[in-house]
Amino acid sequence: MLSKIEFHSHRVLDAVVQRGLSAGVQGLATVGAGKKYRKMVLCLNDGLKALQASWAKKADYICLLRDARKGRLAIRFACVDAQLTAHTGLLNWSAVSDSSAHGIVVRTHEISIFSCIIKL
């Protein structure tokens, strides 16, 4: 069951992804070919998203951080619970065609609504 999976560190997932990115389409000799490796990374990513959603659900306070550059908008979050356990993660990201302040605000609103309805 997914709720029993615990990531001891995001660095573990980052290391897996970076190692695979450096290997390219060939994959990793110790894991498998590129297609198998990409599927494994997608599964890990889905697990991480579920874990981050559980953090946000349990949080007493959530802070959203917005970063827009090079046609992309990323919404990150930081949250803390009653025991003062802090977590950070990526809420979602999206391509942005209108890089004006109004366009960024509109896209931020869309990402926030989508993420809250779908993920949480």
PDB file of N, CA and C in Angstrom:
ATOM      1  N   MET A   1       0.833  -1.178   0.000  1.00  0.00           N
ATOM      2  CA  MET A   1       0.000   0.000   0.000  1.00  0.00           C
ATOM      3  C   MET A   1       0.881   1.245   0.000  1.00  0.00           C
ATOM      4  N   LEU A   2       0.445   2.269  -0.739  1.00  0.00           N
ATOM      5  CA  LEU A   2       1.255   3.466  -0.916  1.00  0.00           C
ATOM      6  C   LEU A   2       1.490   4.210   0.391  1.00  0.00           C
ATOM      7  N   SER A   3       0.524   4.197   1.292  1.00  0.00           N
ATOM      8  CA  SER A   3       0.679   4.944   2.539  1.00  0.00           C
ATOM      9  C   SER A   3       1.804   4.377   3.413  1.00  0.00           C
ATOM     10  N   LYS A   4       2.212   3.149   3.178  1.00  0.00           N
ATOM     11  CA  LYS A   4       3.272   2.556   3.984  1.00  0.00           C
ATOM     12  C   LYS A   4       4.657   2.852   3.426  1.00  0.00           C
ATOM     13  N   ILE A   5       4.712   3.409   2.222  1.00  0.00           N
ATOM     14  CA  ILE A   5       6.001   3.740   1.627  1.00  0.00           C
ATOM     15  C   ILE A   5       6.504   5.028   2.238  1.00  0.00           C
ATOM     16  N   GLU A   6       7.749   5.040   2.645  1.00  0.00           N
ATOM     17  CA  GLU A   6       8.353   6.247   3.201  1.00  0.00           C
ATOM     18  C   GLU A   6       9.632   6.549   2.447  1.00  0.00           C
ATOM     19  N   PHE A   7       9.751   7.788   1.999  1.00  0.00           N
ATOM     20  CA  PHE A   7      10.997   8.233   1.409  1.00  0.00           C
ATOM     21  C   PHE A   7      11.828   8.805   2.543  1.00  0.00           C
ATOM     22  N   HIS A   8      12.995   8.274   2.776  1.00  0.00           N
ATOM     23  CA  HIS A   8      13.848   8.792   3.835  1.00  0.00           C
ATOM     24  C   HIS A   8      14.460  10.115   3.419  1.00  0.00           C
ATOM     25  N   SER A   9      14.573  10.318   2.115  1.00  0.00           N
ATOM     26  CA  SER A   9      15.155  11.556   1.644  1.00  0.00           C
ATOM     27  C   SER A   9      14.782  11.753   0.194  1.00  0.00           C
ATOM     28  N   HIS A  10      14.522  13.003  -0.160  1.00  0.00           N
ATOM     29  CA  HIS A  10      14.268  13.315  -1.566  1.00  0.00           C
ATOM     30  C   HIS A  10      15.551  13.131  -2.368  1.00  0.00           C
ATOM     31  N   ARG A  11      16.671  13.161  -1.706  1.00  0.00           N
ATOM     32  CA  ARG A  11      17.953  13.006  -2.403  1.00  0.00           C
ATOM     33  C   ARG A  11      18.066  11.634  -3.055  1.00  0.00           C
ATOM     34  N   VAL A  12      17.413  10.632  -2.476  1.00  0.00           N
ATOM     35  CA  VAL A  12      17.441   9.292  -3.061  1.00  0.00           C
ATOM     36  C   VAL A  12      16.756   9.320  -4.418  1.00  0.00           C
ATOM     37  N   LEU A  13      15.565   9.903  -4.464  1.00  0.00           N
ATOM     38  CA  LEU A  13      14.839   9.995  -5.732  1.00  0.00           C
ATOM     39  C   LEU A  13      15.605  10.859  -6.725  1.00  0.00           C
ATOM     40  N   ASP A  14      16.150  11.973  -6.260  1.00  0.00           N
ATOM     41  CA  ASP A  14      16.933  12.839  -7.139  1.00  0.00           C
ATOM     42  C   ASP A  14      18.133  12.101  -7.715  1.00  0.00           C
ATOM     43  N   ALA A  15      18.784  11.291  -6.897  1.00  0.00           N
ATOM     44  CA  ALA A  15      19.952  10.539  -7.374  1.00  0.00           C
ATOM     45  C   ALA A  15      19.552   9.535  -8.448  1.00  0.00           C
ATOM     46  N   VAL A  16      18.416   8.869  -8.256  1.00  0.00           N
ATOM     47  CA  VAL A  16      17.935   7.911  -9.257  1.00  0.00           C
ATOM     48  C   VAL A  16      17.643   8.619 -10.569  1.00  0.00           C
ATOM     49  N   VAL A  17      16.950   9.738 -10.487  1.00  0.00           N
ATOM     50  CA  VAL A  17      16.596  10.476 -11.697  1.00  0.00           C
ATOM     51  C   VAL A  17      17.843  11.012 -12.388  1.00  0.00           C
ATOM     52  N   GLN A  18      18.751  11.618 -11.650  1.00  0.00           N
ATOM     53  CA  GLN A  18      19.964  12.172 -12.260  1.00  0.00           C
ATOM     54  C   GLN A  18      20.820  11.085 -12.900  1.00  0.00           C
ATOM     55  N   ARG A  19      20.909   9.949 -12.246  1.00  0.00           N
ATOM     56  CA  ARG A  19      21.686   8.848 -12.813  1.00  0.00           C
ATOM     57  C   ARG A  19      21.071   8.379 -14.125  1.00  0.00           C
ATOM     58  N   GLY A  20      19.744   8.314 -14.146  1.00  0.00           N
ATOM     59  CA  GLY A  20      19.055   7.906 -15.373  1.00  0.00           C
ATOM     60  C   GLY A  20      19.166   8.940 -16.472  1.00  0.00           C
ATOM     61  N   LEU A  21      19.114  10.218 -16.102  1.00  0.00           N
ATOM     62  CA  LEU A  21      19.248  11.274 -17.106  1.00  0.00           C
ATOM     63  C   LEU A  21      20.627  11.241 -17.747  1.00  0.00           C
ATOM     64  N   SER A  22      21.636  10.940 -16.939  1.00  0.00           N
ATOM     65  CA  SER A  22      22.986  10.883 -17.497  1.00  0.00           C
ATOM     66  C   SER A  22      23.157   9.650 -18.381  1.00  0.00           C
ATOM     67  N   ALA A  23      22.375   8.587 -18.125  1.00  0.00           N
ATOM     68  CA  ALA A  23      22.474   7.379 -18.939  1.00  0.00           C
ATOM     69  C   ALA A  23      21.786   7.562 -20.289  1.00  0.00           C
ATOM     70  N   GLY A  24      20.804   8.446 -20.347  1.00  0.00           N
ATOM     71  CA  GLY A  24      20.108   8.696 -21.609  1.00  0.00           C
ATOM     72  C   GLY A  24      19.100   7.615 -21.940  1.00  0.00           C
ATOM     73  N   VAL A  25      18.884   7.416 -23.231  1.00  0.00           N
ATOM     74  CA  VAL A  25      17.857   6.484 -23.689  1.00  0.00           C
ATOM     75  C   VAL A  25      18.250   5.027 -23.474  1.00  0.00           C
ATOM     76  N   GLN A  26      19.518   4.751 -23.278  1.00  0.00           N
ATOM     77  CA  GLN A  26      19.965   3.373 -23.110  1.00  0.00           C
ATOM     78  C   GLN A  26      19.483   2.775 -21.794  1.00  0.00           C
ATOM     79  N   GLY A  27      19.214   3.595 -20.804  1.00  0.00           N
ATOM     80  CA  GLY A  27      18.824   3.084 -19.496  1.00  0.00           C
ATOM     81  C   GLY A  27      20.051   2.812 -18.648  1.00  0.00           C
ATOM     82  N   LEU A  28      19.875   1.986 -17.656  1.00  0.00           N
ATOM     83  CA  LEU A  28      20.978   1.648 -16.755  1.00  0.00           C
ATOM     84  C   LEU A  28      21.227   0.146 -16.821  1.00  0.00           C
ATOM     85  N   ALA A  29      22.467  -0.223 -16.922  1.00  0.00           N
ATOM     86  CA  ALA A  29      22.818  -1.645 -17.044  1.00  0.00           C
ATOM     87  C   ALA A  29      22.336  -2.443 -15.835  1.00  0.00           C
ATOM     88  N   THR A  30      22.384  -1.846 -14.652  1.00  0.00           N
ATOM     89  CA  THR A  30      21.987  -2.564 -13.437  1.00  0.00           C
ATOM     90  C   THR A  30      20.472  -2.609 -13.244  1.00  0.00           C
ATOM     91  N   VAL A  31      19.731  -1.784 -14.015  1.00  0.00           N
ATOM     92  CA  VAL A  31      18.276  -1.713 -13.846  1.00  0.00           C
ATOM     93  C   VAL A  31      17.558  -2.285 -15.050  1.00  0.00           C
ATOM     94  N   GLY A  32      17.868  -1.781 -16.210  1.00  0.00           N
ATOM     95  CA  GLY A  32      17.197  -2.245 -17.415  1.00  0.00           C
ATOM     96  C   GLY A  32      17.295  -1.210 -18.517  1.00  0.00           C
ATOM     97  N   ALA A  33      16.638  -1.504 -19.613  1.00  0.00           N
ATOM     98  CA  ALA A  33      16.670  -0.613 -20.777  1.00  0.00           C
ATOM     99  C   ALA A  33      15.944   0.694 -20.489  1.00  0.00           C
ATOM    100  N   GLY A  34      16.066   1.630 -21.409  1.00  0.00           N
ATOM    101  CA  GLY A  34      15.506   2.963 -21.222  1.00  0.00           C
ATOM    102  C   GLY A  34      14.024   2.986 -20.920  1.00  0.00           C
ATOM    103  N   LYS A  35      13.238   2.173 -21.647  1.00  0.00           N
ATOM    104  CA  LYS A  35      11.786   2.162 -21.448  1.00  0.00           C
ATOM    105  C   LYS A  35      11.426   1.686 -20.038  1.00  0.00           C
ATOM    106  N   LYS A  36      12.074   0.619 -19.602  1.00  0.00           N
ATOM    107  CA  LYS A  36      11.812   0.087 -18.252  1.00  0.00           C
ATOM    108  C   LYS A  36      12.204   1.121 -17.186  1.00  0.00           C
ATOM    109  N   TYR A  37      13.351   1.751 -17.389  1.00  0.00           N
ATOM    110  CA  TYR A  37      13.820   2.744 -16.427  1.00  0.00           C
ATOM    111  C   TYR A  37      12.862   3.927 -16.345  1.00  0.00           C
ATOM    112  N   ARG A  38      12.405   4.422 -17.499  1.00  0.00           N
ATOM    113  CA  ARG A  38      11.470   5.565 -17.507  1.00  0.00           C
ATOM    114  C   ARG A  38      10.175   5.212 -16.779  1.00  0.00           C
ATOM    115  N   LYS A  39       9.686   3.994 -16.953  1.00  0.00           N
ATOM    116  CA  LYS A  39       8.469   3.574 -16.257  1.00  0.00           C
ATOM    117  C   LYS A  39       8.692   3.534 -14.745  1.00  0.00           C
ATOM    118  N   MET A  40       9.878   3.071 -14.341  1.00  0.00           N
ATOM    119  CA  MET A  40      10.196   3.029 -12.911  1.00  0.00           C
ATOM    120  C   MET A  40      10.250   4.429 -12.325  1.00  0.00           C
ATOM    121  N   VAL A  41      10.837   5.363 -13.061  1.00  0.00           N
ATOM    122  CA  VAL A  41      10.919   6.747 -12.577  1.00  0.00           C
ATOM    123  C   VAL A  41       9.527   7.354 -12.488  1.00  0.00           C
ATOM    124  N   LEU A  42       8.650   7.064 -13.459  1.00  0.00           N
ATOM    125  CA  LEU A  42       7.274   7.572 -13.399  1.00  0.00           C
ATOM    126  C   LEU A  42       6.548   7.029 -12.173  1.00  0.00           C
ATOM    127  N   CYS A  43       6.765   5.769 -11.835  1.00  0.00           N
ATOM    128  CA  CYS A  43       6.145   5.193 -10.633  1.00  0.00           C
ATOM    129  C   CYS A  43       6.663   5.876  -9.369  1.00  0.00           C
ATOM    130  N   LEU A  44       7.978   6.091  -9.306  1.00  0.00           N
ATOM    131  CA  LEU A  44       8.542   6.800  -8.157  1.00  0.00           C
ATOM    132  C   LEU A  44       7.985   8.213  -8.058  1.00  0.00           C
ATOM    133  N   ASN A  45       7.831   8.871  -9.203  1.00  0.00           N
ATOM    134  CA  ASN A  45       7.294  10.222  -9.229  1.00  0.00           C
ATOM    135  C   ASN A  45       5.853  10.252  -8.720  1.00  0.00           C
ATOM    136  N   ASP A  46       5.046   9.279  -9.134  1.00  0.00           N
ATOM    137  CA  ASP A  46       3.661   9.215  -8.650  1.00  0.00           C
ATOM    138  C   ASP A  46       3.615   8.995  -7.139  1.00  0.00           C
ATOM    139  N   GLY A  47       4.508   8.149  -6.640  1.00  0.00           N
ATOM    140  CA  GLY A  47       4.575   7.925  -5.193  1.00  0.00           C
ATOM    141  C   GLY A  47       4.967   9.178  -4.435  1.00  0.00           C
ATOM    142  N   LEU A  48       5.921   9.927  -5.001  1.00  0.00           N
ATOM    143  CA  LEU A  48       6.353  11.171  -4.367  1.00  0.00           C
ATOM    144  C   LEU A  48       5.228  12.205  -4.362  1.00  0.00           C
ATOM    145  N   LYS A  49       4.471  12.285  -5.458  1.00  0.00           N
ATOM    146  CA  LYS A  49       3.336  13.217  -5.513  1.00  0.00           C
ATOM    147  C   LYS A  49       2.294  12.869  -4.453  1.00  0.00           C
ATOM    148  N   ALA A  50       2.020  11.582  -4.288  1.00  0.00           N
ATOM    149  CA  ALA A  50       1.051  11.156  -3.267  1.00  0.00           C
ATOM    150  C   ALA A  50       1.556  11.488  -1.867  1.00  0.00           C
ATOM    151  N   LEU A  51       2.853  11.295  -1.655  1.00  0.00           N
ATOM    152  CA  LEU A  51       3.442  11.621  -0.356  1.00  0.00           C
ATOM    153  C   LEU A  51       3.347  13.122  -0.073  1.00  0.00           C
ATOM    154  N   GLN A  52       3.661  13.936  -1.071  1.00  0.00           N
ATOM    155  CA  GLN A  52       3.573  15.383  -0.898  1.00  0.00           C
ATOM    156  C   GLN A  52       2.137  15.826  -0.660  1.00  0.00           C
ATOM    157  N   ALA A  53       1.182  15.187  -1.329  1.00  0.00           N
ATOM    158  CA  ALA A  53      -0.229  15.524  -1.108  1.00  0.00           C
ATOM    159  C   ALA A  53      -0.640  15.197   0.320  1.00  0.00           C
ATOM    160  N   SER A  54      -0.131  14.093   0.870  1.00  0.00           N
ATOM    161  CA  SER A  54      -0.475  13.744   2.254  1.00  0.00           C
ATOM    162  C   SER A  54       0.111  14.761   3.233  1.00  0.00           C
ATOM    163  N   TRP A  55       1.313  15.273   2.925  1.00  0.00           N
ATOM    164  CA  TRP A  55       1.893  16.325   3.773  1.00  0.00           C
ATOM    165  C   TRP A  55       0.999  17.553   3.779  1.00  0.00           C
ATOM    166  N   ALA A  56       0.565  17.957   2.599  1.00  0.00           N
ATOM    167  CA  ALA A  56      -0.256  19.172   2.482  1.00  0.00           C
ATOM    168  C   ALA A  56      -1.597  19.003   3.202  1.00  0.00           C
ATOM    169  N   LYS A  57      -2.171  17.792   3.131  1.00  0.00           N
ATOM    170  CA  LYS A  57      -3.448  17.550   3.794  1.00  0.00           C
ATOM    171  C   LYS A  57      -3.327  17.663   5.310  1.00  0.00           C
ATOM    172  N   LYS A  58      -2.188  17.220   5.864  1.00  0.00           N
ATOM    173  CA  LYS A  58      -1.998  17.219   7.305  1.00  0.00           C
ATOM    174  C   LYS A  58      -1.472  18.552   7.839  1.00  0.00           C
ATOM    175  N   ALA A  59      -1.066  19.426   6.948  1.00  0.00           N
ATOM    176  CA  ALA A  59      -0.399  20.668   7.359  1.00  0.00           C
ATOM    177  C   ALA A  59      -1.350  21.645   8.027  1.00  0.00           C
ATOM    178  N   ASP A  60      -0.822  22.375   8.987  1.00  0.00           N
ATOM    179  CA  ASP A  60      -1.576  23.457   9.611  1.00  0.00           C
ATOM    180  C   ASP A  60      -1.389  24.754   8.829  1.00  0.00           C
ATOM    181  N   TYR A  61      -0.219  24.934   8.244  1.00  0.00           N
ATOM    182  CA  TYR A  61       0.082  26.129   7.458  1.00  0.00           C
ATOM    183  C   TYR A  61       0.776  25.732   6.165  1.00  0.00           C
ATOM    184  N   ILE A  62       0.389  26.389   5.075  1.00  0.00           N
ATOM    185  CA  ILE A  62       1.003  26.139   3.775  1.00  0.00           C
ATOM    186  C   ILE A  62       1.380  27.478   3.151  1.00  0.00           C
ATOM    187  N   CYS A  63       2.579  27.543   2.619  1.00  0.00           N
ATOM    188  CA  CYS A  63       3.054  28.734   1.920  1.00  0.00           C
ATOM    189  C   CYS A  63       3.323  28.344   0.468  1.00  0.00           C
ATOM    190  N   LEU A  64       2.773  29.114  -0.470  1.00  0.00           N
ATOM    191  CA  LEU A  64       3.016  28.852  -1.883  1.00  0.00           C
ATOM    192  C   LEU A  64       4.085  29.805  -2.396  1.00  0.00           C
ATOM    193  N   LEU A  65       4.995  29.272  -3.192  1.00  0.00           N
ATOM    194  CA  LEU A  65       6.085  30.054  -3.766  1.00  0.00           C
ATOM    195  C   LEU A  65       5.992  29.950  -5.283  1.00  0.00           C
ATOM    196  N   ARG A  66       5.979  31.068  -5.950  1.00  0.00           N
ATOM    197  CA  ARG A  66       5.796  31.087  -7.396  1.00  0.00           C
ATOM    198  C   ARG A  66       7.093  31.505  -8.081  1.00  0.00           C
ATOM    199  N   ASP A  67       7.457  30.779  -9.144  1.00  0.00           N
ATOM    200  CA  ASP A  67       8.657  31.092  -9.902  1.00  0.00           C
ATOM    201  C   ASP A  67       8.325  31.001 -11.389  1.00  0.00           C
ATOM    202  N   ALA A  68       8.445  32.116 -12.091  1.00  0.00           N
ATOM    203  CA  ALA A  68       8.161  32.139 -13.524  1.00  0.00           C
ATOM    204  C   ALA A  68       9.398  32.609 -14.266  1.00  0.00           C
ATOM    205  N   ARG A  69       9.843  31.782 -15.205  1.00  0.00           N
ATOM    206  CA  ARG A  69      10.968  32.166 -16.054  1.00  0.00           C
ATOM    207  C   ARG A  69      11.010  31.266 -17.283  1.00  0.00           C
ATOM    208  N   LYS A  70      11.509  31.819 -18.345  1.00  0.00           N
ATOM    209  CA  LYS A  70      11.691  31.103 -19.612  1.00  0.00           C
ATOM    210  C   LYS A  70      10.427  30.374 -20.058  1.00  0.00           C
ATOM    211  N   GLY A  71       9.280  31.032 -19.921  1.00  0.00           N
ATOM    212  CA  GLY A  71       8.035  30.449 -20.406  1.00  0.00           C
ATOM    213  C   GLY A  71       7.444  29.350 -19.551  1.00  0.00           C
ATOM    214  N   ARG A  72       7.936  29.168 -18.349  1.00  0.00           N
ATOM    215  CA  ARG A  72       7.401  28.150 -17.443  1.00  0.00           C
ATOM    216  C   ARG A  72       7.086  28.780 -16.087  1.00  0.00           C
ATOM    217  N   LEU A  73       6.043  28.258 -15.466  1.00  0.00           N
ATOM    218  CA  LEU A  73       5.632  28.719 -14.145  1.00  0.00           C
ATOM    219  C   LEU A  73       5.621  27.513 -13.210  1.00  0.00           C
ATOM    220  N   ALA A  74       6.362  27.601 -12.127  1.00  0.00           N
ATOM    221  CA  ALA A  74       6.397  26.535 -11.121  1.00  0.00           C
ATOM    222  C   ALA A  74       5.807  27.073  -9.825  1.00  0.00           C
ATOM    223  N   ILE A  75       4.936  26.289  -9.243  1.00  0.00           N
ATOM    224  CA  ILE A  75       4.355  26.622  -7.939  1.00  0.00           C
ATOM    225  C   ILE A  75       4.884  25.600  -6.943  1.00  0.00           C
ATOM    226  N   ARG A  76       5.708  26.049  -6.028  1.00  0.00           N
ATOM    227  CA  ARG A  76       6.260  25.189  -4.988  1.00  0.00           C
ATOM    228  C   ARG A  76       5.507  25.467  -3.692  1.00  0.00           C
ATOM    229  N   PHE A  77       5.596  24.549  -2.761  1.00  0.00           N
ATOM    230  CA  PHE A  77       4.950  24.770  -1.475  1.00  0.00           C
ATOM    231  C   PHE A  77       5.899  24.419  -0.339  1.00  0.00           C
ATOM    232  N   ALA A  78       5.658  25.039   0.775  1.00  0.00           N
ATOM    233  CA  ALA A  78       6.307  24.701   2.037  1.00  0.00           C
ATOM    234  C   ALA A  78       5.185  24.592   3.052  1.00  0.00           C
ATOM    235  N   CYS A  79       5.198  23.540   3.857  1.00  0.00           N
ATOM    236  CA  CYS A  79       4.127  23.367   4.838  1.00  0.00           C
ATOM    237  C   CYS A  79       4.707  22.897   6.163  1.00  0.00           C
ATOM    238  N   VAL A  80       3.951  23.153   7.214  1.00  0.00           N
ATOM    239  CA  VAL A  80       4.364  22.750   8.558  1.00  0.00           C
ATOM    240  C   VAL A  80       3.127  22.256   9.310  1.00  0.00           C
ATOM    241  N   ASP A  81       3.313  21.212  10.109  1.00  0.00           N
ATOM    242  CA  ASP A  81       2.188  20.676  10.884  1.00  0.00           C
ATOM    243  C   ASP A  81       2.278  21.122  12.343  1.00  0.00           C
ATOM    244  N   ALA A  82       1.406  20.593  13.167  1.00  0.00           N
ATOM    245  CA  ALA A  82       1.339  21.011  14.573  1.00  0.00           C
ATOM    246  C   ALA A  82       2.604  20.646  15.350  1.00  0.00           C
ATOM    247  N   GLN A  83       3.315  19.613  14.915  1.00  0.00           N
ATOM    248  CA  GLN A  83       4.558  19.215  15.591  1.00  0.00           C
ATOM    249  C   GLN A  83       5.765  19.965  15.028  1.00  0.00           C
ATOM    250  N   LEU A  84       5.504  20.965  14.200  1.00  0.00           N
ATOM    251  CA  LEU A  84       6.524  21.786  13.553  1.00  0.00           C
ATOM    252  C   LEU A  84       7.439  20.985  12.620  1.00  0.00           C
ATOM    253  N   THR A  85       6.872  19.957  12.011  1.00  0.00           N
ATOM    254  CA  THR A  85       7.585  19.198  10.984  1.00  0.00           C
ATOM    255  C   THR A  85       7.356  19.899   9.654  1.00  0.00           C
ATOM    256  N   ALA A  86       8.427  20.335   9.031  1.00  0.00           N
ATOM    257  CA  ALA A  86       8.326  21.097   7.784  1.00  0.00           C
ATOM    258  C   ALA A  86       8.611  20.204   6.583  1.00  0.00           C
ATOM    259  N   HIS A  87       7.887  20.454   5.499  1.00  0.00           N
ATOM    260  CA  HIS A  87       8.081  19.731   4.247  1.00  0.00           C
ATOM    261  C   HIS A  87       8.009  20.736   3.106  1.00  0.00           C
ATOM    262  N   THR A  88       8.688  20.427   2.027  1.00  0.00           N
ATOM    263  CA  THR A  88       8.611  21.251   0.822  1.00  0.00           C
ATOM    264  C   THR A  88       8.379  20.350  -0.378  1.00  0.00           C
ATOM    265  N   GLY A  89       7.834  20.926  -1.432  1.00  0.00           N
ATOM    266  CA  GLY A  89       7.601  20.142  -2.642  1.00  0.00           C
ATOM    267  C   GLY A  89       7.127  21.016  -3.776  1.00  0.00           C
ATOM    268  N   LEU A  90       6.886  20.378  -4.903  1.00  0.00           N
ATOM    269  CA  LEU A  90       6.407  21.057  -6.101  1.00  0.00           C
ATOM    270  C   LEU A  90       4.922  20.781  -6.234  1.00  0.00           C
ATOM    271  N   LEU A  91       4.108  21.829  -6.201  1.00  0.00           N
ATOM    272  CA  LEU A  91       2.665  21.665  -6.369  1.00  0.00           C
ATOM    273  C   LEU A  91       2.362  21.295  -7.813  1.00  0.00           C
ATOM    274  N   ASN A  92       2.882  22.080  -8.756  1.00  0.00           N
ATOM    275  CA  ASN A  92       2.703  21.808 -10.173  1.00  0.00           C
ATOM    276  C   ASN A  92       3.497  22.824 -10.970  1.00  0.00           C
ATOM    277  N   TRP A  93       3.624  22.582 -12.255  1.00  0.00           N
ATOM    278  CA  TRP A  93       4.268  23.541 -13.151  1.00  0.00           C
ATOM    279  C   TRP A  93       3.494  23.540 -14.457  1.00  0.00           C
ATOM    280  N   SER A  94       3.673  24.606 -15.220  1.00  0.00           N
ATOM    281  CA  SER A  94       2.958  24.726 -16.479  1.00  0.00           C
ATOM    282  C   SER A  94       3.706  25.662 -17.419  1.00  0.00           C
ATOM    283  N   ALA A  95       3.498  25.450 -18.694  1.00  0.00           N
ATOM    284  CA  ALA A  95       4.007  26.396 -19.684  1.00  0.00           C
ATOM    285  C   ALA A  95       3.141  27.648 -19.631  1.00  0.00           C
ATOM    286  N   VAL A  96       3.762  28.809 -19.836  1.00  0.00           N
ATOM    287  CA  VAL A  96       3.036  30.082 -19.775  1.00  0.00           C
ATOM    288  C   VAL A  96       3.261  30.825 -21.082  1.00  0.00           C
ATOM    289  N   SER A  97       2.166  31.113 -21.775  1.00  0.00           N
ATOM    290  CA  SER A  97       2.303  31.846 -23.039  1.00  0.00           C
ATOM    291  C   SER A  97       2.283  33.357 -22.814  1.00  0.00           C
ATOM    292  N   ASP A  98       1.545  33.800 -21.796  1.00  0.00           N
ATOM    293  CA  ASP A  98       1.463  35.227 -21.475  1.00  0.00           C
ATOM    294  C   ASP A  98       2.320  35.489 -20.240  1.00  0.00           C
ATOM    295  N   SER A  99       3.492  36.099 -20.437  1.00  0.00           N
ATOM    296  CA  SER A  99       4.408  36.301 -19.309  1.00  0.00           C
ATOM    297  C   SER A  99       4.195  37.630 -18.594  1.00  0.00           C
ATOM    298  N   SER A 100       3.088  38.305 -18.884  1.00  0.00           N
ATOM    299  CA  SER A 100       2.778  39.537 -18.158  1.00  0.00           C
ATOM    300  C   SER A 100       2.345  39.194 -16.736  1.00  0.00           C
ATOM    301  N   ALA A 101       2.302  40.191 -15.881  1.00  0.00           N
ATOM    302  CA  ALA A 101       1.892  39.962 -14.491  1.00  0.00           C
ATOM    303  C   ALA A 101       0.486  39.371 -14.436  1.00  0.00           C
ATOM    304  N   HIS A 102      -0.420  39.896 -15.268  1.00  0.00           N
ATOM    305  CA  HIS A 102      -1.791  39.396 -15.297  1.00  0.00           C
ATOM    306  C   HIS A 102      -1.814  37.933 -15.762  1.00  0.00           C
ATOM    307  N   GLY A 103      -1.037  37.594 -16.788  1.00  0.00           N
ATOM    308  CA  GLY A 103      -0.983  36.227 -17.297  1.00  0.00           C
ATOM    309  C   GLY A 103      -0.452  35.246 -16.264  1.00  0.00           C
ATOM    310  N   ILE A 104       0.554  35.678 -15.516  1.00  0.00           N
ATOM    311  CA  ILE A 104       1.128  34.821 -14.475  1.00  0.00           C
ATOM    312  C   ILE A 104       0.113  34.584 -13.358  1.00  0.00           C
ATOM    313  N   VAL A 105      -0.613  35.632 -12.962  1.00  0.00           N
ATOM    314  CA  VAL A 105      -1.623  35.497 -11.906  1.00  0.00           C
ATOM    315  C   VAL A 105      -2.746  34.563 -12.353  1.00  0.00           C
ATOM    316  N   VAL A 106      -3.195  34.705 -13.588  1.00  0.00           N
ATOM    317  CA  VAL A 106      -4.265  33.845 -14.106  1.00  0.00           C
ATOM    318  C   VAL A 106      -3.808  32.392 -14.127  1.00  0.00           C
ATOM    319  N   ARG A 107      -2.595  32.150 -14.617  1.00  0.00           N
ATOM    320  CA  ARG A 107      -2.076  30.783 -14.692  1.00  0.00           C
ATOM    321  C   ARG A 107      -1.835  30.207 -13.294  1.00  0.00           C
ATOM    322  N   THR A 108      -1.400  31.036 -12.358  1.00  0.00           N
ATOM    323  CA  THR A 108      -1.222  30.598 -10.968  1.00  0.00           C
ATOM    324  C   THR A 108      -2.552  30.128 -10.389  1.00  0.00           C
ATOM    325  N   HIS A 109      -3.593  30.895 -10.641  1.00  0.00           N
ATOM    326  CA  HIS A 109      -4.928  30.536 -10.157  1.00  0.00           C
ATOM    327  C   HIS A 109      -5.371  29.202 -10.765  1.00  0.00           C
ATOM    328  N   GLU A 110      -5.159  29.023 -12.057  1.00  0.00           N
ATOM    329  CA  GLU A 110      -5.546  27.774 -12.721  1.00  0.00           C
ATOM    330  C   GLU A 110      -4.779  26.578 -12.150  1.00  0.00           C
ATOM    331  N   ILE A 111      -3.490  26.736 -11.954  1.00  0.00           N
ATOM    332  CA  ILE A 111      -2.668  25.650 -11.397  1.00  0.00           C
ATOM    333  C   ILE A 111      -3.118  25.324  -9.980  1.00  0.00           C
ATOM    334  N   SER A 112      -3.385  26.346  -9.181  1.00  0.00           N
ATOM    335  CA  SER A 112      -3.802  26.125  -7.786  1.00  0.00           C
ATOM    336  C   SER A 112      -5.126  25.376  -7.727  1.00  0.00           C
ATOM    337  N   ILE A 113      -6.094  25.800  -8.533  1.00  0.00           N
ATOM    338  CA  ILE A 113      -7.402  25.133  -8.546  1.00  0.00           C
ATOM    339  C   ILE A 113      -7.250  23.688  -9.011  1.00  0.00           C
ATOM    340  N   PHE A 114      -6.523  23.476 -10.106  1.00  0.00           N
ATOM    341  CA  PHE A 114      -6.314  22.129 -10.631  1.00  0.00           C
ATOM    342  C   PHE A 114      -5.638  21.233  -9.593  1.00  0.00           C
ATOM    343  N   SER A 115      -4.616  21.729  -8.970  1.00  0.00           N
ATOM    344  CA  SER A 115      -3.862  20.932  -7.992  1.00  0.00           C
ATOM    345  C   SER A 115      -4.693  20.608  -6.770  1.00  0.00           C
ATOM    346  N   CYS A 116      -5.472  21.550  -6.302  1.00  0.00           N
ATOM    347  CA  CYS A 116      -6.303  21.307  -5.112  1.00  0.00           C
ATOM    348  C   CYS A 116      -7.422  20.333  -5.412  1.00  0.00           C
ATOM    349  N   ILE A 117      -7.991  20.393  -6.585  1.00  0.00           N
ATOM    350  CA  ILE A 117      -9.097  19.482  -6.928  1.00  0.00           C
ATOM    351  C   ILE A 117      -8.565  18.087  -7.224  1.00  0.00           C
ATOM    352  N   ILE A 118      -7.529  18.005  -8.026  1.00  0.00           N
ATOM    353  CA  ILE A 118      -7.039  16.694  -8.471  1.00  0.00           C
ATOM    354  C   ILE A 118      -6.186  16.016  -7.409  1.00  0.00           C
ATOM    355  N   LYS A 119      -5.214  16.703  -6.857  1.00  0.00           N
ATOM    356  CA  LYS A 119      -4.242  16.070  -5.967  1.00  0.00           C
ATOM    357  C   LYS A 119      -4.704  15.951  -4.528  1.00  0.00           C
ATOM    358  N   LEU A 120      -5.360  16.972  -4.025  1.00  0.00           N
ATOM    359  CA  LEU A 120      -5.702  16.974  -2.609  1.00  0.00           C
ATOM    360  C   LEU A 120      -7.124  16.502  -2.439  1.00  0.00           C
TER     361      LEU A 120
END
